[in-house]
Amino acid sequence: MAKHRTDATKKEADGDTFLAQLGDRVRVLRARRGMSRKVLARQSKVSERYLAQLELGKGNCSIVLLRRIAKAMSVPVSELVDDRPEREVEHLLLEQFLDRLSPAERAEARDVLLSHFGGPTNEDRRGRIALIGLRGGGKSTLGKLLAEKLEAPFIELDREIEKISGMALSEIFEMFGQPTFRRLEREALEKALVDHPRFVLATGGSLVTEAATYELLLTSCMTVWVRTGPDQHMNRVIEQGDLRPMAENAKAMDDLVSILKSREPLYAKADRVIDTEGKKPEQSLRELITMIDYPKPVTERRIA
């Protein structure tokens, strides 16, 4: 019972802190724009009294009202609810500049920044092959074969997370939730990059949804999207012993298609794409080897 009270108290404190930050952000942005509270109230159609409560950190604002307040100040809602420390002016200006560029120009700008500010060399990236994609695409099977062929270590990131935590993935999610898993995932990737100048890495399917970790992967490794069709994904997951997709199979397939569709733009950032549908692992291996320019093996430097 005491633990439940402690958890409830902590959640309440977190909520109070967030509301205080939200109030400060509204007040600062309003002042920056030279808007009185009365003017903001009129233009947002939110009462001045409610705005005063909000700025004091005592107003639990609905998303609809918050959107009206943000629109009246000409800022995105995300800028109000961002609970990170306020970003410096240079960060904000750079963000606006990048928003004006076309997708192709932003990709070019990213390459320029990486080369100028000490990103990994192409040689370093070519020695680290990272396989991304949804579960059931063939990452682990193909990764093991590729590592053996290239005489490089094979690393499954999920297994490294379990080593670091001393817990199964299911236990991590159940006991600590998504934030702890994402932190451990980042730690496991960073450790692999420090420990091995060369490797073949199979990532978890959802790593691409964590922007900071995915950015590190893209800049440090040659990434390959291992893709296949939804039916193949489902069948391979079941073959691996996970029978959960058999329950409400139609809904499970709908969910799978939805996940694939939502992640496609993220997976498409990979350097290479290989489709494994209807192919034997050996055939996919041959195709993969022809599409990567892998450096000659060097003595593995292991860090004690």
C-alpha atoms as a PDB file:
ATOM      1  CA  MET A   1       0.000   0.000   0.000  1.00  0.00           C
ATOM      2  CA  ALA A   2       2.835   2.376   0.886  1.00  0.00           C
ATOM      3  CA  LYS A   3       4.435   1.741  -2.507  1.00  0.00           C
ATOM      4  CA  HIS A   4       1.180   2.638  -4.293  1.00  0.00           C
ATOM      5  CA  ARG A   5       0.983   5.881  -2.301  1.00  0.00           C
ATOM      6  CA  THR A   6       4.609   6.669  -3.185  1.00  0.00           C
ATOM      7  CA  ASP A   7       3.972   6.030  -6.888  1.00  0.00           C
ATOM      8  CA  ALA A   8       0.834   8.177  -6.826  1.00  0.00           C
ATOM      9  CA  THR A   9       2.699  10.991  -5.068  1.00  0.00           C
ATOM     10  CA  LYS A  10       5.512  10.820  -7.607  1.00  0.00           C
ATOM     11  CA  LYS A  11       3.069  10.953 -10.539  1.00  0.00           C
ATOM     12  CA  GLU A  12       1.319  13.938  -8.977  1.00  0.00           C
ATOM     13  CA  ALA A  13       4.655  15.721  -8.509  1.00  0.00           C
ATOM     14  CA  ASP A  14       5.627  15.003 -12.118  1.00  0.00           C
ATOM     15  CA  GLY A  15       2.294  16.447 -13.251  1.00  0.00           C
ATOM     16  CA  ASP A  16       2.787  19.570 -11.155  1.00  0.00           C
ATOM     17  CA  THR A  17       6.270  20.059 -12.575  1.00  0.00           C
ATOM     18  CA  PHE A  18       4.995  19.715 -16.140  1.00  0.00           C
ATOM     19  CA  LEU A  19       2.161  22.206 -15.550  1.00  0.00           C
ATOM     20  CA  ALA A  20       4.631  24.678 -14.058  1.00  0.00           C
ATOM     21  CA  GLN A  21       6.900  24.328 -17.105  1.00  0.00           C
ATOM     22  CA  LEU A  22       3.915  24.756 -19.415  1.00  0.00           C
ATOM     23  CA  GLY A  23       2.856  27.904 -17.597  1.00  0.00           C
ATOM     24  CA  ASP A  24       6.358  29.357 -17.770  1.00  0.00           C
ATOM     25  CA  ARG A  25       6.559  28.629 -21.490  1.00  0.00           C
ATOM     26  CA  VAL A  26       3.216  30.292 -22.237  1.00  0.00           C
ATOM     27  CA  ARG A  27       4.205  33.345 -20.201  1.00  0.00           C
ATOM     28  CA  VAL A  28       7.647  33.679 -21.810  1.00  0.00           C
ATOM     29  CA  LEU A  29       6.344  33.241 -25.368  1.00  0.00           C
ATOM     30  CA  ARG A  30       3.519  35.698 -24.748  1.00  0.00           C
ATOM     31  CA  ALA A  31       5.968  38.276 -23.381  1.00  0.00           C
ATOM     32  CA  ARG A  32       8.361  37.660 -26.259  1.00  0.00           C
ATOM     33  CA  ARG A  33       5.603  38.549 -28.699  1.00  0.00           C
ATOM     34  CA  GLY A  34       4.680  41.676 -26.762  1.00  0.00           C
ATOM     35  CA  MET A  35       1.177  40.365 -26.077  1.00  0.00           C
ATOM     36  CA  SER A  36      -0.665  41.292 -22.927  1.00  0.00           C
ATOM     37  CA  ARG A  37      -2.698  38.592 -21.270  1.00  0.00           C
ATOM     38  CA  LYS A  38      -5.838  40.505 -22.259  1.00  0.00           C
ATOM     39  CA  VAL A  39      -4.832  40.473 -25.945  1.00  0.00           C
ATOM     40  CA  LEU A  40      -3.983  36.764 -25.843  1.00  0.00           C
ATOM     41  CA  ALA A  41      -7.300  36.030 -24.153  1.00  0.00           C
ATOM     42  CA  ARG A  42      -9.200  37.893 -26.844  1.00  0.00           C
ATOM     43  CA  GLN A  43      -7.356  36.323 -29.785  1.00  0.00           C
ATOM     44  CA  SER A  44      -7.406  32.783 -28.399  1.00  0.00           C
ATOM     45  CA  LYS A  45     -10.980  33.042 -27.031  1.00  0.00           C
ATOM     46  CA  VAL A  46      -9.690  31.721 -23.698  1.00  0.00           C
ATOM     47  CA  SER A  47     -10.602  33.719 -20.595  1.00  0.00           C
ATOM     48  CA  GLU A  48      -7.967  35.996 -19.092  1.00  0.00           C
ATOM     49  CA  ARG A  49      -8.603  34.429 -15.680  1.00  0.00           C
ATOM     50  CA  TYR A  50      -7.929  30.960 -17.070  1.00  0.00           C
ATOM     51  CA  LEU A  51      -4.714  32.182 -18.748  1.00  0.00           C
ATOM     52  CA  ALA A  52      -3.546  33.582 -15.421  1.00  0.00           C
ATOM     53  CA  GLN A  53      -4.124  30.197 -13.785  1.00  0.00           C
ATOM     54  CA  LEU A  54      -2.311  28.463 -16.640  1.00  0.00           C
ATOM     55  CA  GLU A  55       0.730  30.726 -16.351  1.00  0.00           C
ATOM     56  CA  LEU A  56       0.845  30.062 -12.614  1.00  0.00           C
ATOM     57  CA  GLY A  57       1.067  26.326 -13.328  1.00  0.00           C
ATOM     58  CA  LYS A  58      -2.408  25.633 -11.936  1.00  0.00           C
ATOM     59  CA  GLY A  59      -4.397  25.202 -15.133  1.00  0.00           C
ATOM     60  CA  ASN A  60      -4.726  21.695 -16.552  1.00  0.00           C
ATOM     61  CA  CYS A  61      -5.412  22.816 -20.109  1.00  0.00           C
ATOM     62  CA  SER A  62      -7.202  20.638 -22.675  1.00  0.00           C
ATOM     63  CA  ILE A  63      -5.424  20.088 -25.982  1.00  0.00           C
ATOM     64  CA  VAL A  64      -8.160  22.059 -27.805  1.00  0.00           C
ATOM     65  CA  LEU A  65      -7.656  25.133 -25.624  1.00  0.00           C
ATOM     66  CA  LEU A  66      -3.878  24.753 -25.824  1.00  0.00           C
ATOM     67  CA  ARG A  67      -4.104  24.663 -29.612  1.00  0.00           C
ATOM     68  CA  ARG A  68      -6.068  27.920 -29.622  1.00  0.00           C
ATOM     69  CA  ILE A  69      -3.512  29.575 -27.344  1.00  0.00           C
ATOM     70  CA  ALA A  70      -0.609  28.361 -29.507  1.00  0.00           C
ATOM     71  CA  LYS A  71      -2.322  29.521 -32.711  1.00  0.00           C
ATOM     72  CA  ALA A  72      -2.936  32.979 -31.245  1.00  0.00           C
ATOM     73  CA  MET A  73       0.811  33.268 -30.497  1.00  0.00           C
ATOM     74  CA  SER A  74       1.797  31.761 -33.893  1.00  0.00           C
ATOM     75  CA  VAL A  75       3.743  28.860 -32.373  1.00  0.00           C
ATOM     76  CA  PRO A  76       3.216  25.102 -32.813  1.00  0.00           C
ATOM     77  CA  VAL A  77       1.530  23.311 -29.923  1.00  0.00           C
ATOM     78  CA  SER A  78       4.621  21.101 -29.669  1.00  0.00           C
ATOM     79  CA  GLU A  79       6.668  24.132 -28.594  1.00  0.00           C
ATOM     80  CA  LEU A  80       4.388  24.671 -25.608  1.00  0.00           C
ATOM     81  CA  VAL A  81       4.311  21.075 -24.377  1.00  0.00           C
ATOM     82  CA  ASP A  82       7.982  20.268 -25.027  1.00  0.00           C
ATOM     83  CA  ASP A  83       9.269  19.376 -21.557  1.00  0.00           C
ATOM     84  CA  ARG A  84      12.917  19.696 -22.509  1.00  0.00           C
ATOM     85  CA  PRO A  85      14.842  22.780 -21.300  1.00  0.00           C
ATOM     86  CA  GLU A  86      14.223  25.803 -23.494  1.00  0.00           C
ATOM     87  CA  ARG A  87      16.420  25.628 -26.580  1.00  0.00           C
ATOM     88  CA  GLU A  88      18.962  28.340 -27.308  1.00  0.00           C
ATOM     89  CA  VAL A  89      18.282  30.882 -30.055  1.00  0.00           C
ATOM     90  CA  GLU A  90      20.778  29.266 -32.454  1.00  0.00           C
ATOM     91  CA  HIS A  91      18.905  25.967 -32.204  1.00  0.00           C
ATOM     92  CA  LEU A  92      15.585  27.621 -32.988  1.00  0.00           C
ATOM     93  CA  LEU A  93      17.013  29.566 -35.931  1.00  0.00           C
ATOM     94  CA  LEU A  94      18.680  26.468 -37.368  1.00  0.00           C
ATOM     95  CA  GLU A  95      15.416  24.541 -37.061  1.00  0.00           C
ATOM     96  CA  GLN A  96      13.570  27.260 -38.985  1.00  0.00           C
ATOM     97  CA  PHE A  97      16.270  27.306 -41.654  1.00  0.00           C
ATOM     98  CA  LEU A  98      16.088  23.549 -42.123  1.00  0.00           C
ATOM     99  CA  ASP A  99      12.297  23.703 -42.368  1.00  0.00           C
ATOM    100  CA  ARG A 100      12.649  25.955 -45.430  1.00  0.00           C
ATOM    101  CA  LEU A 101      14.793  23.438 -47.301  1.00  0.00           C
ATOM    102  CA  SER A 102      13.498  20.693 -49.561  1.00  0.00           C
ATOM    103  CA  PRO A 103      13.916  17.067 -48.370  1.00  0.00           C
ATOM    104  CA  ALA A 104      16.866  16.620 -50.754  1.00  0.00           C
ATOM    105  CA  GLU A 105      18.504  19.817 -49.494  1.00  0.00           C
ATOM    106  CA  ARG A 106      18.045  18.753 -45.864  1.00  0.00           C
ATOM    107  CA  ALA A 107      19.740  15.436 -46.623  1.00  0.00           C
ATOM    108  CA  GLU A 108      22.643  17.312 -48.206  1.00  0.00           C
ATOM    109  CA  ALA A 109      22.836  19.717 -45.245  1.00  0.00           C
ATOM    110  CA  ARG A 110      22.987  16.768 -42.842  1.00  0.00           C
ATOM    111  CA  ASP A 111      25.888  15.232 -44.786  1.00  0.00           C
ATOM    112  CA  VAL A 112      27.741  18.567 -44.717  1.00  0.00           C
ATOM    113  CA  LEU A 113      27.271  18.926 -40.959  1.00  0.00           C
ATOM    114  CA  LEU A 114      28.422  15.369 -40.305  1.00  0.00           C
ATOM    115  CA  SER A 115      31.552  15.758 -42.408  1.00  0.00           C
ATOM    116  CA  HIS A 116      32.400  19.138 -40.868  1.00  0.00           C
ATOM    117  CA  PHE A 117      31.779  18.236 -37.236  1.00  0.00           C
ATOM    118  CA  GLY A 118      33.502  14.883 -37.069  1.00  0.00           C
ATOM    119  CA  GLY A 119      30.932  12.258 -37.950  1.00  0.00           C
ATOM    120  CA  PRO A 120      32.149   8.686 -38.561  1.00  0.00           C
ATOM    121  CA  THR A 121      34.027   8.177 -41.821  1.00  0.00           C
ATOM    122  CA  ASN A 122      32.542   6.137 -44.647  1.00  0.00           C
ATOM    123  CA  GLU A 123      35.210   3.510 -43.947  1.00  0.00           C
ATOM    124  CA  ASP A 124      34.052   3.225 -40.322  1.00  0.00           C
ATOM    125  CA  ARG A 125      30.417   2.964 -41.379  1.00  0.00           C
ATOM    126  CA  ARG A 126      31.119   0.305 -44.030  1.00  0.00           C
ATOM    127  CA  GLY A 127      32.694  -1.909 -41.373  1.00  0.00           C
ATOM    128  CA  ARG A 128      29.527  -1.861 -39.274  1.00  0.00           C
ATOM    129  CA  ILE A 129      26.483  -3.366 -40.957  1.00  0.00           C
ATOM    130  CA  ALA A 130      23.183  -2.743 -39.157  1.00  0.00           C
ATOM    131  CA  LEU A 131      20.061  -4.607 -40.256  1.00  0.00           C
ATOM    132  CA  ILE A 132      16.762  -2.843 -39.581  1.00  0.00           C
ATOM    133  CA  GLY A 133      13.159  -3.797 -40.269  1.00  0.00           C
ATOM    134  CA  LEU A 134      10.093  -5.325 -38.711  1.00  0.00           C
ATOM    135  CA  ARG A 135      10.284  -8.626 -36.829  1.00  0.00           C
ATOM    136  CA  GLY A 136       9.998 -11.604 -39.167  1.00  0.00           C
ATOM    137  CA  GLY A 137      11.845  -9.955 -42.043  1.00  0.00           C
ATOM    138  CA  GLY A 138      14.874 -12.191 -41.600  1.00  0.00           C
ATOM    139  CA  LYS A 139      17.322  -9.890 -39.793  1.00  0.00           C
ATOM    140  CA  SER A 140      18.690 -12.491 -37.377  1.00  0.00           C
ATOM    141  CA  THR A 141      18.965 -15.323 -39.888  1.00  0.00           C
ATOM    142  CA  LEU A 142      20.548 -13.122 -42.541  1.00  0.00           C
ATOM    143  CA  GLY A 143      22.723 -11.338 -39.991  1.00  0.00           C
ATOM    144  CA  LYS A 144      24.277 -14.559 -38.689  1.00  0.00           C
ATOM    145  CA  LEU A 145      25.058 -15.759 -42.206  1.00  0.00           C
ATOM    146  CA  LEU A 146      26.519 -12.389 -43.200  1.00  0.00           C
ATOM    147  CA  ALA A 147      28.681 -12.143 -40.063  1.00  0.00           C
ATOM    148  CA  GLU A 148      30.083 -15.626 -40.681  1.00  0.00           C
ATOM    149  CA  LYS A 149      30.840 -14.758 -44.309  1.00  0.00           C
ATOM    150  CA  LEU A 150      32.545 -11.479 -43.381  1.00  0.00           C
ATOM    151  CA  GLU A 151      34.342 -12.932 -40.346  1.00  0.00           C
ATOM    152  CA  ALA A 152      32.793 -10.283 -38.142  1.00  0.00           C
ATOM    153  CA  PRO A 153      30.977 -10.476 -34.782  1.00  0.00           C
ATOM    154  CA  PHE A 154      27.213 -10.873 -34.939  1.00  0.00           C
ATOM    155  CA  ILE A 155      25.246  -8.845 -32.389  1.00  0.00           C
ATOM    156  CA  GLU A 156      21.535  -8.964 -31.651  1.00  0.00           C
ATOM    157  CA  LEU A 157      20.719  -5.688 -29.941  1.00  0.00           C
ATOM    158  CA  ASP A 158      17.778  -7.123 -27.973  1.00  0.00           C
ATOM    159  CA  ARG A 159      20.031  -9.787 -26.460  1.00  0.00           C
ATOM    160  CA  GLU A 160      22.576  -7.089 -25.492  1.00  0.00           C
ATOM    161  CA  ILE A 161      19.798  -5.156 -23.751  1.00  0.00           C
ATOM    162  CA  GLU A 162      18.963  -8.276 -21.740  1.00  0.00           C
ATOM    163  CA  LYS A 163      22.652  -8.699 -20.789  1.00  0.00           C
ATOM    164  CA  ILE A 164      22.937  -5.104 -19.602  1.00  0.00           C
ATOM    165  CA  SER A 165      19.715  -5.219 -17.585  1.00  0.00           C
ATOM    166  CA  GLY A 166      19.851  -8.830 -16.440  1.00  0.00           C
ATOM    167  CA  MET A 167      16.180  -9.101 -17.401  1.00  0.00           C
ATOM    168  CA  ALA A 168      14.089 -10.402 -20.293  1.00  0.00           C
ATOM    169  CA  LEU A 169      12.618  -7.760 -22.581  1.00  0.00           C
ATOM    170  CA  SER A 170       9.090  -8.625 -21.452  1.00  0.00           C
ATOM    171  CA  GLU A 171      10.093  -8.017 -17.829  1.00  0.00           C
ATOM    172  CA  ILE A 172      11.665  -4.650 -18.684  1.00  0.00           C
ATOM    173  CA  PHE A 173       8.472  -3.461 -20.367  1.00  0.00           C
ATOM    174  CA  GLU A 174       6.229  -4.832 -17.617  1.00  0.00           C
ATOM    175  CA  MET A 175       8.195  -3.428 -14.685  1.00  0.00           C
ATOM    176  CA  PHE A 176       9.681  -0.195 -16.047  1.00  0.00           C
ATOM    177  CA  GLY A 177       7.937   0.609 -19.316  1.00  0.00           C
ATOM    178  CA  GLN A 178       9.023   2.106 -22.601  1.00  0.00           C
ATOM    179  CA  PRO A 179      11.390   4.862 -21.310  1.00  0.00           C
ATOM    180  CA  THR A 180      13.669   2.381 -19.518  1.00  0.00           C
ATOM    181  CA  PHE A 181      13.742   0.065 -22.534  1.00  0.00           C
ATOM    182  CA  ARG A 182      14.697   2.959 -24.836  1.00  0.00           C
ATOM    183  CA  ARG A 183      17.479   4.036 -22.488  1.00  0.00           C
ATOM    184  CA  LEU A 184      18.882   0.502 -22.365  1.00  0.00           C
ATOM    185  CA  GLU A 185      18.591   0.192 -26.144  1.00  0.00           C
ATOM    186  CA  ARG A 186      20.677   3.342 -26.560  1.00  0.00           C
ATOM    187  CA  GLU A 187      23.260   2.083 -24.041  1.00  0.00           C
ATOM    188  CA  ALA A 188      23.518  -1.262 -25.834  1.00  0.00           C
ATOM    189  CA  LEU A 189      24.097   0.423 -29.200  1.00  0.00           C
ATOM    190  CA  GLU A 190      26.709   2.787 -27.779  1.00  0.00           C
ATOM    191  CA  LYS A 191      28.532  -0.138 -26.134  1.00  0.00           C
ATOM    192  CA  ALA A 192      28.581  -2.108 -29.398  1.00  0.00           C
ATOM    193  CA  LEU A 193      30.050   0.898 -31.235  1.00  0.00           C
ATOM    194  CA  VAL A 194      32.769   1.314 -28.603  1.00  0.00           C
ATOM    195  CA  ASP A 195      33.624  -2.381 -28.332  1.00  0.00           C
ATOM    196  CA  HIS A 196      33.694  -3.328 -32.031  1.00  0.00           C
ATOM    197  CA  PRO A 197      35.162  -1.524 -35.041  1.00  0.00           C
ATOM    198  CA  ARG A 198      33.437  -4.150 -37.219  1.00  0.00           C
ATOM    199  CA  PHE A 199      30.205  -6.055 -36.721  1.00  0.00           C
ATOM    200  CA  VAL A 200      26.899  -7.182 -38.154  1.00  0.00           C
ATOM    201  CA  LEU A 201      24.063  -5.914 -35.976  1.00  0.00           C
ATOM    202  CA  ALA A 202      20.403  -6.973 -35.935  1.00  0.00           C
ATOM    203  CA  THR A 203      18.249  -4.278 -34.347  1.00  0.00           C
ATOM    204  CA  GLY A 204      14.793  -4.413 -32.826  1.00  0.00           C
ATOM    205  CA  GLY A 205      12.010  -3.497 -35.226  1.00  0.00           C
ATOM    206  CA  SER A 206      10.962  -0.385 -33.302  1.00  0.00           C
ATOM    207  CA  LEU A 207      14.413   1.191 -32.882  1.00  0.00           C
ATOM    208  CA  VAL A 208      13.679   3.467 -35.851  1.00  0.00           C
ATOM    209  CA  THR A 209      10.881   5.155 -33.879  1.00  0.00           C
ATOM    210  CA  GLU A 210      13.369   6.563 -31.350  1.00  0.00           C
ATOM    211  CA  ALA A 211      14.824   9.504 -33.291  1.00  0.00           C
ATOM    212  CA  ALA A 212      18.044  10.043 -31.310  1.00  0.00           C
ATOM    213  CA  THR A 213      19.023   6.349 -31.283  1.00  0.00           C
ATOM    214  CA  TYR A 214      18.140   5.921 -34.959  1.00  0.00           C
ATOM    215  CA  GLU A 215      20.197   8.983 -35.880  1.00  0.00           C
ATOM    216  CA  LEU A 216      23.194   7.472 -34.068  1.00  0.00           C
ATOM    217  CA  LEU A 217      22.702   4.197 -35.935  1.00  0.00           C
ATOM    218  CA  LEU A 218      22.430   5.918 -39.331  1.00  0.00           C
ATOM    219  CA  THR A 219      25.555   8.009 -38.808  1.00  0.00           C
ATOM    220  CA  SER A 220      27.647   5.178 -37.324  1.00  0.00           C
ATOM    221  CA  CYS A 221      26.689   2.177 -39.475  1.00  0.00           C
ATOM    222  CA  MET A 222      25.829   1.129 -42.992  1.00  0.00           C
ATOM    223  CA  THR A 223      22.146   0.371 -42.559  1.00  0.00           C
ATOM    224  CA  VAL A 224      20.187  -2.228 -44.523  1.00  0.00           C
ATOM    225  CA  TRP A 225      16.393  -2.475 -44.452  1.00  0.00           C
ATOM    226  CA  VAL A 226      15.497  -6.163 -44.498  1.00  0.00           C
ATOM    227  CA  ARG A 227      11.932  -6.133 -45.791  1.00  0.00           C
ATOM    228  CA  THR A 228       9.286  -8.623 -46.783  1.00  0.00           C
ATOM    229  CA  GLY A 229       5.495  -8.732 -47.230  1.00  0.00           C
ATOM    230  CA  PRO A 230       3.008  -8.719 -44.322  1.00  0.00           C
ATOM    231  CA  ASP A 231       2.070 -12.397 -44.813  1.00  0.00           C
ATOM    232  CA  GLN A 232       5.720 -13.423 -44.657  1.00  0.00           C
ATOM    233  CA  HIS A 233       6.252 -11.329 -41.519  1.00  0.00           C
ATOM    234  CA  MET A 234       3.320 -12.987 -39.812  1.00  0.00           C
ATOM    235  CA  ASN A 235       4.268 -16.527 -40.847  1.00  0.00           C
ATOM    236  CA  ARG A 236       7.861 -16.143 -39.713  1.00  0.00           C
ATOM    237  CA  VAL A 237       6.837 -14.766 -36.325  1.00  0.00           C
ATOM    238  CA  ILE A 238       4.560 -17.777 -35.814  1.00  0.00           C
ATOM    239  CA  GLU A 239       7.367 -20.119 -36.955  1.00  0.00           C
ATOM    240  CA  GLN A 240       9.557 -18.561 -34.250  1.00  0.00           C
ATOM    241  CA  GLY A 241       7.075 -19.908 -31.692  1.00  0.00           C
ATOM    242  CA  ASP A 242       5.007 -16.779 -31.044  1.00  0.00           C
ATOM    243  CA  LEU A 243       1.404 -17.966 -31.416  1.00  0.00           C
ATOM    244  CA  ARG A 244      -0.186 -14.695 -30.303  1.00  0.00           C
ATOM    245  CA  PRO A 245      -0.860 -13.570 -33.911  1.00  0.00           C
ATOM    246  CA  MET A 246      -3.129 -16.607 -34.276  1.00  0.00           C
ATOM    247  CA  ALA A 247      -5.672 -14.963 -31.958  1.00  0.00           C
ATOM    248  CA  GLU A 248      -7.943 -12.575 -33.874  1.00  0.00           C
ATOM    249  CA  ASN A 249      -5.773 -13.127 -36.925  1.00  0.00           C
ATOM    250  CA  ALA A 250      -7.614 -10.588 -39.110  1.00  0.00           C
ATOM    251  CA  LYS A 251      -7.067  -7.822 -36.571  1.00  0.00           C
ATOM    252  CA  ALA A 252      -3.465  -8.869 -36.032  1.00  0.00           C
ATOM    253  CA  MET A 253      -2.827  -8.615 -39.777  1.00  0.00           C
ATOM    254  CA  ASP A 254      -4.492  -5.190 -39.910  1.00  0.00           C
ATOM    255  CA  ASP A 255      -2.250  -4.018 -37.070  1.00  0.00           C
ATOM    256  CA  LEU A 256       0.832  -5.401 -38.805  1.00  0.00           C
ATOM    257  CA  VAL A 257       0.009  -3.638 -42.075  1.00  0.00           C
ATOM    258  CA  SER A 258      -0.586  -0.399 -40.164  1.00  0.00           C
ATOM    259  CA  ILE A 259       2.777  -0.658 -38.387  1.00  0.00           C
ATOM    260  CA  LEU A 260       4.594  -1.377 -41.646  1.00  0.00           C
ATOM    261  CA  LYS A 261       2.949   1.575 -43.366  1.00  0.00           C
ATOM    262  CA  SER A 262       3.724   3.988 -40.523  1.00  0.00           C
ATOM    263  CA  ARG A 263       7.377   2.906 -40.310  1.00  0.00           C
ATOM    264  CA  GLU A 264       8.123   2.735 -44.024  1.00  0.00           C
ATOM    265  CA  PRO A 265       9.426   6.346 -44.246  1.00  0.00           C
ATOM    266  CA  LEU A 266      11.778   5.573 -41.341  1.00  0.00           C
ATOM    267  CA  TYR A 267      13.035   2.245 -42.686  1.00  0.00           C
ATOM    268  CA  ALA A 268      13.502   3.897 -46.100  1.00  0.00           C
ATOM    269  CA  LYS A 269      16.319   6.049 -44.648  1.00  0.00           C
ATOM    270  CA  ALA A 270      18.561   2.959 -44.727  1.00  0.00           C
ATOM    271  CA  ASP A 271      21.547   2.935 -47.082  1.00  0.00           C
ATOM    272  CA  ARG A 272      20.405  -0.290 -48.747  1.00  0.00           C
ATOM    273  CA  VAL A 273      17.172  -2.273 -49.061  1.00  0.00           C
ATOM    274  CA  ILE A 274      16.885  -6.030 -49.531  1.00  0.00           C
ATOM    275  CA  ASP A 275      13.590  -7.859 -50.042  1.00  0.00           C
ATOM    276  CA  THR A 276      13.629 -11.384 -48.597  1.00  0.00           C
ATOM    277  CA  GLU A 277      10.088 -12.401 -49.574  1.00  0.00           C
ATOM    278  CA  GLY A 278       9.960 -15.867 -51.128  1.00  0.00           C
ATOM    279  CA  LYS A 279      13.757 -16.252 -51.017  1.00  0.00           C
ATOM    280  CA  LYS A 280      15.959 -18.746 -49.239  1.00  0.00           C
ATOM    281  CA  PRO A 281      18.413 -17.191 -46.747  1.00  0.00           C
ATOM    282  CA  GLU A 282      21.391 -18.148 -48.934  1.00  0.00           C
ATOM    283  CA  GLN A 283      19.925 -16.297 -51.918  1.00  0.00           C
ATOM    284  CA  SER A 284      19.296 -13.172 -49.811  1.00  0.00           C
ATOM    285  CA  LEU A 285      22.857 -13.437 -48.484  1.00  0.00           C
ATOM    286  CA  ARG A 286      24.317 -13.437 -51.998  1.00  0.00           C
ATOM    287  CA  GLU A 287      22.246 -10.394 -52.926  1.00  0.00           C
ATOM    288  CA  LEU A 288      23.254  -8.555 -49.782  1.00  0.00           C
ATOM    289  CA  ILE A 289      26.954  -9.187 -50.260  1.00  0.00           C
ATOM    290  CA  THR A 290      26.808  -7.737 -53.769  1.00  0.00           C
ATOM    291  CA  MET A 291      25.149  -4.533 -52.560  1.00  0.00           C
ATOM    292  CA  ILE A 292      27.533  -3.680 -49.700  1.00  0.00           C
ATOM    293  CA  ASP A 293      31.080  -2.472 -50.176  1.00  0.00           C
ATOM    294  CA  TYR A 294      32.560  -4.189 -47.162  1.00  0.00           C
ATOM    295  CA  PRO A 295      36.194  -3.445 -46.178  1.00  0.00           C
ATOM    296  CA  LYS A 296      38.729  -6.236 -45.887  1.00  0.00           C
ATOM    297  CA  PRO A 297      38.788  -7.929 -42.458  1.00  0.00           C
ATOM    298  CA  VAL A 298      41.150  -6.426 -39.916  1.00  0.00           C
ATOM    299  CA  THR A 299      42.175  -7.728 -36.502  1.00  0.00           C
ATOM    300  CA  GLU A 300      39.310  -7.176 -34.095  1.00  0.00           C
ATOM    301  CA  ARG A 301      40.257  -4.691 -31.393  1.00  0.00           C
ATOM    302  CA  ARG A 302      38.487  -5.691 -28.224  1.00  0.00           C
ATOM    303  CA  ILE A 303      38.272  -3.251 -25.369  1.00  0.00           C
ATOM    304  CA  ALA A 304      38.806  -4.736 -21.961  1.00  0.00           C
END
